[in-house]
Amino acid sequence: GWGVAGQLPWDKLVQLDAGSWFGKTFDGERLPLLAQVA
């Protein structure tokens, strides 16, 4: 994604890929909610 994250609603943020920038093994990894982390 691009731009300021806090200016986007969660339904847009959850669609982003937060893993592939690091490596192919992590393709499709999502931004997690605090509740999921707990």
ModelCIF file with pLDDT and N, C-alpha, C, O atoms, coordinates in Angstrom:
data_MODEL
#
_entry.id   MODEL 
#
_entity.id                         1 
_entity.type                       polymer 
_entity.pdbx_number_of_molecules   1 
#
_entity_poly.entity_id                      1 
_entity_poly.type                           'polypeptide(L)' 
_entity_poly.nstd_linkage                   no 
_entity_poly.nstd_monomer                   no 
_entity_poly.pdbx_seq_one_letter_code       GWGVAGQLPWDKLVQLDAGSWFGKTFDGERLPLLAQVA 
_entity_poly.pdbx_seq_one_letter_code_can   GWGVAGQLPWDKLVQLDAGSWFGKTFDGERLPLLAQVA 
_entity_poly.pdbx_strand_id                 A 
#
loop_
_entity_poly_seq.entity_id 
_entity_poly_seq.num 
_entity_poly_seq.mon_id 
_entity_poly_seq.hetero 
1 1  GLY n 
1 2  TRP n 
1 3  GLY n 
1 4  VAL n 
1 5  ALA n 
1 6  GLY n 
1 7  GLN n 
1 8  LEU n 
1 9  PRO n 
1 10 TRP n 
1 11 ASP n 
1 12 LYS n 
1 13 LEU n 
1 14 VAL n 
1 15 GLN n 
1 16 LEU n 
1 17 ASP n 
1 18 ALA n 
1 19 GLY n 
1 20 SER n 
1 21 TRP n 
1 22 PHE n 
1 23 GLY n 
1 24 LYS n 
1 25 THR n 
1 26 PHE n 
1 27 ASP n 
1 28 GLY n 
1 29 GLU n 
1 30 ARG n 
1 31 LEU n 
1 32 PRO n 
1 33 LEU n 
1 34 LEU n 
1 35 ALA n 
1 36 GLN n 
1 37 VAL n 
1 38 ALA n 
#
_struct_asym.id          A 
_struct_asym.entity_id   1 
#
loop_
_ma_qa_metric.id 
_ma_qa_metric.mode 
_ma_qa_metric.name 
_ma_qa_metric.software_group_id 
_ma_qa_metric.type 
1 global pLDDT . pLDDT 
2 local  pLDDT . pLDDT 
#
_ma_qa_metric_global.metric_id      1 
_ma_qa_metric_global.metric_value   97.95 
_ma_qa_metric_global.model_id       1 
_ma_qa_metric_global.ordinal_id     1 
#
loop_
_ma_qa_metric_local.label_asym_id 
_ma_qa_metric_local.label_comp_id 
_ma_qa_metric_local.label_seq_id 
_ma_qa_metric_local.metric_id 
_ma_qa_metric_local.metric_value 
_ma_qa_metric_local.model_id 
_ma_qa_metric_local.ordinal_id 
A GLY 1  2 98.00 1 1  
A TRP 2  2 98.00 1 2  
A GLY 3  2 98.00 1 3  
A VAL 4  2 98.00 1 4  
A ALA 5  2 98.00 1 5  
A GLY 6  2 98.00 1 6  
A GLN 7  2 98.00 1 7  
A LEU 8  2 98.00 1 8  
A PRO 9  2 98.00 1 9  
A TRP 10 2 98.00 1 10 
A ASP 11 2 98.00 1 11 
A LYS 12 2 98.00 1 12 
A LEU 13 2 98.00 1 13 
A VAL 14 2 98.00 1 14 
A GLN 15 2 98.00 1 15 
A LEU 16 2 98.00 1 16 
A ASP 17 2 98.00 1 17 
A ALA 18 2 98.00 1 18 
A GLY 19 2 98.00 1 19 
A SER 20 2 98.00 1 20 
A TRP 21 2 98.00 1 21 
A PHE 22 2 98.00 1 22 
A GLY 23 2 97.00 1 23 
A LYS 24 2 97.00 1 24 
A THR 25 2 97.00 1 25 
A PHE 26 2 98.00 1 26 
A ASP 27 2 98.00 1 27 
A GLY 28 2 97.00 1 28 
A GLU 29 2 98.00 1 29 
A ARG 30 2 98.00 1 30 
A LEU 31 2 98.00 1 31 
A PRO 32 2 98.00 1 32 
A LEU 33 2 99.00 1 33 
A LEU 34 2 99.00 1 34 
A ALA 35 2 98.00 1 35 
A GLN 36 2 98.00 1 36 
A VAL 37 2 98.00 1 37 
A ALA 38 2 98.00 1 38 
#
loop_
_atom_site.group_PDB 
_atom_site.id 
_atom_site.type_symbol 
_atom_site.label_atom_id 
_atom_site.label_alt_id 
_atom_site.label_comp_id 
_atom_site.label_asym_id 
_atom_site.label_entity_id 
_atom_site.label_seq_id 
_atom_site.pdbx_PDB_ins_code 
_atom_site.Cartn_x 
_atom_site.Cartn_y 
_atom_site.Cartn_z 
_atom_site.occupancy 
_atom_site.B_iso_or_equiv 
_atom_site.pdbx_formal_charge 
_atom_site.auth_seq_id 
_atom_site.auth_comp_id 
_atom_site.auth_asym_id 
_atom_site.auth_atom_id 
_atom_site.pdbx_PDB_model_num 
ATOM 1   N N  . GLY A 1 1  ? 0.835   -1.194  0.000  1.00 98.00 ? 1  GLY A N  1 
ATOM 2   C CA . GLY A 1 1  ? 0.000   0.000   0.000  1.00 98.00 ? 1  GLY A CA 1 
ATOM 3   C C  . GLY A 1 1  ? 0.870   1.244   0.000  1.00 98.00 ? 1  GLY A C  1 
ATOM 4   O O  . GLY A 1 1  ? 2.097   1.159   -0.031 1.00 98.00 ? 1  GLY A O  1 
ATOM 5   N N  . TRP A 1 2  ? 0.225   2.389   0.035  1.00 98.00 ? 2  TRP A N  1 
ATOM 6   C CA . TRP A 1 2  ? 0.966   3.652   0.078  1.00 98.00 ? 2  TRP A CA 1 
ATOM 7   C C  . TRP A 1 2  ? 0.137   4.691   0.805  1.00 98.00 ? 2  TRP A C  1 
ATOM 8   O O  . TRP A 1 2  ? -1.075  4.535   0.959  1.00 98.00 ? 2  TRP A O  1 
ATOM 9   N N  . GLY A 1 3  ? 0.794   5.751   1.253  1.00 98.00 ? 3  GLY A N  1 
ATOM 10  C CA . GLY A 1 3  ? 0.111   6.834   1.946  1.00 98.00 ? 3  GLY A CA 1 
ATOM 11  C C  . GLY A 1 3  ? 0.004   6.601   3.443  1.00 98.00 ? 3  GLY A C  1 
ATOM 12  O O  . GLY A 1 3  ? 0.514   5.611   3.968  1.00 98.00 ? 3  GLY A O  1 
ATOM 13  N N  . VAL A 1 4  ? -0.661  7.520   4.121  1.00 98.00 ? 4  VAL A N  1 
ATOM 14  C CA . VAL A 1 4  ? -0.788  7.477   5.583  1.00 98.00 ? 4  VAL A CA 1 
ATOM 15  C C  . VAL A 1 4  ? -1.811  6.415   5.988  1.00 98.00 ? 4  VAL A C  1 
ATOM 16  O O  . VAL A 1 4  ? -2.984  6.500   5.624  1.00 98.00 ? 4  VAL A O  1 
ATOM 17  N N  . ALA A 1 5  ? -1.359  5.429   6.735  1.00 98.00 ? 5  ALA A N  1 
ATOM 18  C CA . ALA A 1 5  ? -2.219  4.297   7.103  1.00 98.00 ? 5  ALA A CA 1 
ATOM 19  C C  . ALA A 1 5  ? -3.422  4.739   7.912  1.00 98.00 ? 5  ALA A C  1 
ATOM 20  O O  . ALA A 1 5  ? -4.526  4.231   7.717  1.00 98.00 ? 5  ALA A O  1 
ATOM 21  N N  . GLY A 1 6  ? -3.214  5.695   8.833  1.00 98.00 ? 6  GLY A N  1 
ATOM 22  C CA . GLY A 1 6  ? -4.294  6.143   9.702  1.00 98.00 ? 6  GLY A CA 1 
ATOM 23  C C  . GLY A 1 6  ? -5.407  6.893   8.993  1.00 98.00 ? 6  GLY A C  1 
ATOM 24  O O  . GLY A 1 6  ? -6.435  7.203   9.597  1.00 98.00 ? 6  GLY A O  1 
ATOM 25  N N  . GLN A 1 7  ? -5.208  7.188   7.710  1.00 98.00 ? 7  GLN A N  1 
ATOM 26  C CA . GLN A 1 7  ? -6.250  7.868   6.938  1.00 98.00 ? 7  GLN A CA 1 
ATOM 27  C C  . GLN A 1 7  ? -7.112  6.886   6.150  1.00 98.00 ? 7  GLN A C  1 
ATOM 28  O O  . GLN A 1 7  ? -7.999  7.288   5.396  1.00 98.00 ? 7  GLN A O  1 
ATOM 29  N N  . LEU A 1 8  ? -6.841  5.590   6.334  1.00 98.00 ? 8  LEU A N  1 
ATOM 30  C CA . LEU A 1 8  ? -7.618  4.562   5.629  1.00 98.00 ? 8  LEU A CA 1 
ATOM 31  C C  . LEU A 1 8  ? -8.454  3.755   6.610  1.00 98.00 ? 8  LEU A C  1 
ATOM 32  O O  . LEU A 1 8  ? -8.021  3.514   7.737  1.00 98.00 ? 8  LEU A O  1 
ATOM 33  N N  . PRO A 1 9  ? -9.669  3.326   6.190  1.00 98.00 ? 9  PRO A N  1 
ATOM 34  C CA . PRO A 1 9  ? -10.482 2.461   7.044  1.00 98.00 ? 9  PRO A CA 1 
ATOM 35  C C  . PRO A 1 9  ? -9.917  1.039   7.065  1.00 98.00 ? 9  PRO A C  1 
ATOM 36  O O  . PRO A 1 9  ? -9.160  0.636   6.182  1.00 98.00 ? 9  PRO A O  1 
ATOM 37  N N  . TRP A 1 10 ? -10.308 0.298   8.100  1.00 98.00 ? 10 TRP A N  1 
ATOM 38  C CA . TRP A 1 10 ? -9.765  -1.049  8.264  1.00 98.00 ? 10 TRP A CA 1 
ATOM 39  C C  . TRP A 1 10 ? -10.089 -1.969  7.087  1.00 98.00 ? 10 TRP A C  1 
ATOM 40  O O  . TRP A 1 10 ? -9.268  -2.811  6.725  1.00 98.00 ? 10 TRP A O  1 
ATOM 41  N N  . ASP A 1 11 ? -11.268 -1.824  6.486  1.00 98.00 ? 11 ASP A N  1 
ATOM 42  C CA . ASP A 1 11 ? -11.613 -2.734  5.380  1.00 98.00 ? 11 ASP A CA 1 
ATOM 43  C C  . ASP A 1 11 ? -10.680 -2.569  4.182  1.00 98.00 ? 11 ASP A C  1 
ATOM 44  O O  . ASP A 1 11 ? -10.564 -3.475  3.357  1.00 98.00 ? 11 ASP A O  1 
ATOM 45  N N  . LYS A 1 12 ? -10.017 -1.421  4.084  1.00 98.00 ? 12 LYS A N  1 
ATOM 46  C CA . LYS A 1 12 ? -8.997  -1.234  3.034  1.00 98.00 ? 12 LYS A CA 1 
ATOM 47  C C  . LYS A 1 12 ? -7.632  -1.752  3.508  1.00 98.00 ? 12 LYS A C  1 
ATOM 48  O O  . LYS A 1 12 ? -6.908  -2.399  2.751  1.00 98.00 ? 12 LYS A O  1 
ATOM 49  N N  . LEU A 1 13 ? -7.302  -1.467  4.739  1.00 98.00 ? 13 LEU A N  1 
ATOM 50  C CA . LEU A 1 13 ? -5.999  -1.879  5.271  1.00 98.00 ? 13 LEU A CA 1 
ATOM 51  C C  . LEU A 1 13 ? -5.841  -3.400  5.311  1.00 98.00 ? 13 LEU A C  1 
ATOM 52  O O  . LEU A 1 13 ? -4.759  -3.929  5.058  1.00 98.00 ? 13 LEU A O  1 
ATOM 53  N N  . VAL A 1 14 ? -6.934  -4.094  5.631  1.00 98.00 ? 14 VAL A N  1 
ATOM 54  C CA . VAL A 1 14 ? -6.855  -5.550  5.788  1.00 98.00 ? 14 VAL A CA 1 
ATOM 55  C C  . VAL A 1 14 ? -6.599  -6.265  4.456  1.00 98.00 ? 14 VAL A C  1 
ATOM 56  O O  . VAL A 1 14 ? -6.210  -7.433  4.437  1.00 98.00 ? 14 VAL A O  1 
ATOM 57  N N  . GLN A 1 15 ? -6.818  -5.568  3.364  1.00 98.00 ? 15 GLN A N  1 
ATOM 58  C CA . GLN A 1 15 ? -6.583  -6.177  2.048  1.00 98.00 ? 15 GLN A CA 1 
ATOM 59  C C  . GLN A 1 15 ? -5.113  -6.122  1.620  1.00 98.00 ? 15 GLN A C  1 
ATOM 60  O O  . GLN A 1 15 ? -4.720  -6.789  0.663  1.00 98.00 ? 15 GLN A O  1 
ATOM 61  N N  . LEU A 1 16 ? -4.317  -5.340  2.316  1.00 98.00 ? 16 LEU A N  1 
ATOM 62  C CA . LEU A 1 16 ? -2.921  -5.138  1.905  1.00 98.00 ? 16 LEU A CA 1 
ATOM 63  C C  . LEU A 1 16 ? -2.054  -6.355  2.209  1.00 98.00 ? 16 LEU A C  1 
ATOM 64  O O  . LEU A 1 16 ? -2.331  -7.128  3.127  1.00 98.00 ? 16 LEU A O  1 
ATOM 65  N N  . ASP A 1 17 ? -1.005  -6.501  1.419  1.00 98.00 ? 17 ASP A N  1 
ATOM 66  C CA . ASP A 1 17 ? -0.011  -7.550  1.623  1.00 98.00 ? 17 ASP A CA 1 
ATOM 67  C C  . ASP A 1 17 ? 1.138   -6.935  2.433  1.00 98.00 ? 17 ASP A C  1 
ATOM 68  O O  . ASP A 1 17 ? 1.830   -6.029  1.969  1.00 98.00 ? 17 ASP A O  1 
ATOM 69  N N  . ALA A 1 18 ? 1.320   -7.449  3.650  1.00 98.00 ? 18 ALA A N  1 
ATOM 70  C CA . ALA A 1 18 ? 2.360   -6.914  4.532  1.00 98.00 ? 18 ALA A CA 1 
ATOM 71  C C  . ALA A 1 18 ? 3.539   -7.869  4.673  1.00 98.00 ? 18 ALA A C  1 
ATOM 72  O O  . ALA A 1 18 ? 4.350   -7.739  5.590  1.00 98.00 ? 18 ALA A O  1 
ATOM 73  N N  . GLY A 1 19 ? 3.627   -8.842  3.745  1.00 98.00 ? 19 GLY A N  1 
ATOM 74  C CA . GLY A 1 19 ? 4.695   -9.826  3.858  1.00 98.00 ? 19 GLY A CA 1 
ATOM 75  C C  . GLY A 1 19 ? 5.612   -9.940  2.664  1.00 98.00 ? 19 GLY A C  1 
ATOM 76  O O  . GLY A 1 19 ? 6.798   -10.229 2.820  1.00 98.00 ? 19 GLY A O  1 
ATOM 77  N N  . SER A 1 20 ? 5.083   -9.718  1.467  1.00 98.00 ? 20 SER A N  1 
ATOM 78  C CA . SER A 1 20 ? 5.872   -9.997  0.256  1.00 98.00 ? 20 SER A CA 1 
ATOM 79  C C  . SER A 1 20 ? 7.075   -9.068  0.106  1.00 98.00 ? 20 SER A C  1 
ATOM 80  O O  . SER A 1 20 ? 8.054   -9.440  -0.541 1.00 98.00 ? 20 SER A O  1 
ATOM 81  N N  . TRP A 1 21 ? 7.026   -7.872  0.687  1.00 98.00 ? 21 TRP A N  1 
ATOM 82  C CA . TRP A 1 21 ? 8.188   -6.971  0.637  1.00 98.00 ? 21 TRP A CA 1 
ATOM 83  C C  . TRP A 1 21 ? 9.404   -7.616  1.286  1.00 98.00 ? 21 TRP A C  1 
ATOM 84  O O  . TRP A 1 21 ? 10.544  -7.312  0.936  1.00 98.00 ? 21 TRP A O  1 
ATOM 85  N N  . PHE A 1 22 ? 9.144   -8.518  2.247  1.00 98.00 ? 22 PHE A N  1 
ATOM 86  C CA . PHE A 1 22 ? 10.228  -9.152  2.998  1.00 98.00 ? 22 PHE A CA 1 
ATOM 87  C C  . PHE A 1 22 ? 10.759  -10.392 2.276  1.00 98.00 ? 22 PHE A C  1 
ATOM 88  O O  . PHE A 1 22 ? 11.960  -10.659 2.271  1.00 98.00 ? 22 PHE A O  1 
ATOM 89  N N  . GLY A 1 23 ? 9.840   -11.138 1.670  1.00 97.00 ? 23 GLY A N  1 
ATOM 90  C CA . GLY A 1 23 ? 10.244  -12.354 0.962  1.00 97.00 ? 23 GLY A CA 1 
ATOM 91  C C  . GLY A 1 23 ? 9.037   -13.150 0.508  1.00 97.00 ? 23 GLY A C  1 
ATOM 92  O O  . GLY A 1 23 ? 7.956   -13.034 1.085  1.00 97.00 ? 23 GLY A O  1 
ATOM 93  N N  . LYS A 1 24 ? 9.220   -13.961 -0.527 1.00 97.00 ? 24 LYS A N  1 
ATOM 94  C CA . LYS A 1 24 ? 8.101   -14.705 -1.126 1.00 97.00 ? 24 LYS A CA 1 
ATOM 95  C C  . LYS A 1 24 ? 7.421   -15.640 -0.135 1.00 97.00 ? 24 LYS A C  1 
ATOM 96  O O  . LYS A 1 24 ? 6.222   -15.898 -0.237 1.00 97.00 ? 24 LYS A O  1 
ATOM 97  N N  . THR A 1 25 ? 8.194   -16.144 0.823  1.00 97.00 ? 25 THR A N  1 
ATOM 98  C CA . THR A 1 25 ? 7.623   -17.045 1.837  1.00 97.00 ? 25 THR A CA 1 
ATOM 99  C C  . THR A 1 25 ? 6.466   -16.405 2.573  1.00 97.00 ? 25 THR A C  1 
ATOM 100 O O  . THR A 1 25 ? 5.581   -17.098 3.074  1.00 97.00 ? 25 THR A O  1 
ATOM 101 N N  . PHE A 1 26 ? 6.470   -15.086 2.638  1.00 98.00 ? 26 PHE A N  1 
ATOM 102 C CA . PHE A 1 26 ? 5.474   -14.370 3.437  1.00 98.00 ? 26 PHE A CA 1 
ATOM 103 C C  . PHE A 1 26 ? 4.420   -13.671 2.588  1.00 98.00 ? 26 PHE A C  1 
ATOM 104 O O  . PHE A 1 26 ? 3.711   -12.791 3.077  1.00 98.00 ? 26 PHE A O  1 
ATOM 105 N N  . ASP A 1 27 ? 4.313   -14.064 1.305  1.00 98.00 ? 27 ASP A N  1 
ATOM 106 C CA . ASP A 1 27 ? 3.284   -13.493 0.422  1.00 98.00 ? 27 ASP A CA 1 
ATOM 107 C C  . ASP A 1 27 ? 1.910   -13.590 1.078  1.00 98.00 ? 27 ASP A C  1 
ATOM 108 O O  . ASP A 1 27 ? 1.539   -14.640 1.603  1.00 98.00 ? 27 ASP A O  1 
ATOM 109 N N  . GLY A 1 28 ? 1.160   -12.495 1.045  1.00 97.00 ? 28 GLY A N  1 
ATOM 110 C CA . GLY A 1 28 ? -0.220  -12.534 1.529  1.00 97.00 ? 28 GLY A CA 1 
ATOM 111 C C  . GLY A 1 28 ? -0.375  -12.322 3.018  1.00 97.00 ? 28 GLY A C  1 
ATOM 112 O O  . GLY A 1 28 ? -1.494  -12.336 3.530  1.00 97.00 ? 28 GLY A O  1 
ATOM 113 N N  . GLU A 1 29 ? 0.735   -12.124 3.729  1.00 98.00 ? 29 GLU A N  1 
ATOM 114 C CA . GLU A 1 29 ? 0.645   -11.841 5.171  1.00 98.00 ? 29 GLU A CA 1 
ATOM 115 C C  . GLU A 1 29 ? -0.079  -10.503 5.357  1.00 98.00 ? 29 GLU A C  1 
ATOM 116 O O  . GLU A 1 29 ? 0.201   -9.535  4.650  1.00 98.00 ? 29 GLU A O  1 
ATOM 117 N N  . ARG A 1 30 ? -1.004  -10.462 6.306  1.00 98.00 ? 30 ARG A N  1 
ATOM 118 C CA . ARG A 1 30 ? -1.828  -9.260  6.494  1.00 98.00 ? 30 ARG A CA 1 
ATOM 119 C C  . ARG A 1 30 ? -1.367  -8.426  7.683  1.00 98.00 ? 30 ARG A C  1 
ATOM 120 O O  . ARG A 1 30 ? -0.658  -8.911  8.564  1.00 98.00 ? 30 ARG A O  1 
ATOM 121 N N  . LEU A 1 31 ? -1.781  -7.165  7.689  1.00 98.00 ? 31 LEU A N  1 
ATOM 122 C CA . LEU A 1 31 ? -1.627  -6.340  8.891  1.00 98.00 ? 31 LEU A CA 1 
ATOM 123 C C  . LEU A 1 31 ? -2.546  -6.925  9.963  1.00 98.00 ? 31 LEU A C  1 
ATOM 124 O O  . LEU A 1 31 ? -3.733  -7.118  9.703  1.00 98.00 ? 31 LEU A O  1 
ATOM 125 N N  . PRO A 1 32 ? -2.036  -7.208  11.149 1.00 98.00 ? 32 PRO A N  1 
ATOM 126 C CA . PRO A 1 32 ? -2.911  -7.803  12.164 1.00 98.00 ? 32 PRO A CA 1 
ATOM 127 C C  . PRO A 1 32 ? -3.569  -6.774  13.074 1.00 98.00 ? 32 PRO A C  1 
ATOM 128 O O  . PRO A 1 32 ? -3.029  -5.692  13.308 1.00 98.00 ? 32 PRO A O  1 
ATOM 129 N N  . LEU A 1 33 ? -4.727  -7.127  13.573 1.00 99.00 ? 33 LEU A N  1 
ATOM 130 C CA . LEU A 1 33 ? -5.403  -6.342  14.603 1.00 99.00 ? 33 LEU A CA 1 
ATOM 131 C C  . LEU A 1 33 ? -4.795  -6.643  15.966 1.00 99.00 ? 33 LEU A C  1 
ATOM 132 O O  . LEU A 1 33 ? -4.259  -7.729  16.183 1.00 99.00 ? 33 LEU A O  1 
ATOM 133 N N  . LEU A 1 34 ? -4.877  -5.694  16.876 1.00 99.00 ? 34 LEU A N  1 
ATOM 134 C CA . LEU A 1 34 ? -4.371  -5.915  18.230 1.00 99.00 ? 34 LEU A CA 1 
ATOM 135 C C  . LEU A 1 34 ? -5.055  -7.118  18.881 1.00 99.00 ? 34 LEU A C  1 
ATOM 136 O O  . LEU A 1 34 ? -4.420  -7.863  19.628 1.00 99.00 ? 34 LEU A O  1 
ATOM 137 N N  . ALA A 1 35 ? -6.331  -7.308  18.605 1.00 98.00 ? 35 ALA A N  1 
ATOM 138 C CA . ALA A 1 35 ? -7.056  -8.447  19.177 1.00 98.00 ? 35 ALA A CA 1 
ATOM 139 C C  . ALA A 1 35 ? -6.460  -9.778  18.712 1.00 98.00 ? 35 ALA A C  1 
ATOM 140 O O  . ALA A 1 35 ? -6.373  -10.726 19.492 1.00 98.00 ? 35 ALA A O  1 
ATOM 141 N N  . GLN A 1 36 ? -6.051  -9.848  17.441 1.00 98.00 ? 36 GLN A N  1 
ATOM 142 C CA . GLN A 1 36 ? -5.413  -11.068 16.926 1.00 98.00 ? 36 GLN A CA 1 
ATOM 143 C C  . GLN A 1 36 ? -4.067  -11.309 17.607 1.00 98.00 ? 36 GLN A C  1 
ATOM 144 O O  . GLN A 1 36 ? -3.697  -12.448 17.892 1.00 98.00 ? 36 GLN A O  1 
ATOM 145 N N  . VAL A 1 37 ? -3.353  -10.235 17.860 1.00 98.00 ? 37 VAL A N  1 
ATOM 146 C CA . VAL A 1 37 ? -2.050  -10.343 18.516 1.00 98.00 ? 37 VAL A CA 1 
ATOM 147 C C  . VAL A 1 37 ? -2.219  -10.819 19.957 1.00 98.00 ? 37 VAL A C  1 
ATOM 148 O O  . VAL A 1 37 ? -1.435  -11.635 20.441 1.00 98.00 ? 37 VAL A O  1 
ATOM 149 N N  . ALA A 1 38 ? -3.233  -10.311 20.634 1.00 98.00 ? 38 ALA A N  1 
ATOM 150 C CA . ALA A 1 38 ? -3.512  -10.769 22.006 1.00 98.00 ? 38 ALA A CA 1 
ATOM 151 C C  . ALA A 1 38 ? -3.786  -12.265 22.025 1.00 98.00 ? 38 ALA A C  1 
ATOM 152 O O  . ALA A 1 38 ? -4.040  -12.833 23.087 1.00 98.00 ? 38 ALA A O  1 
#
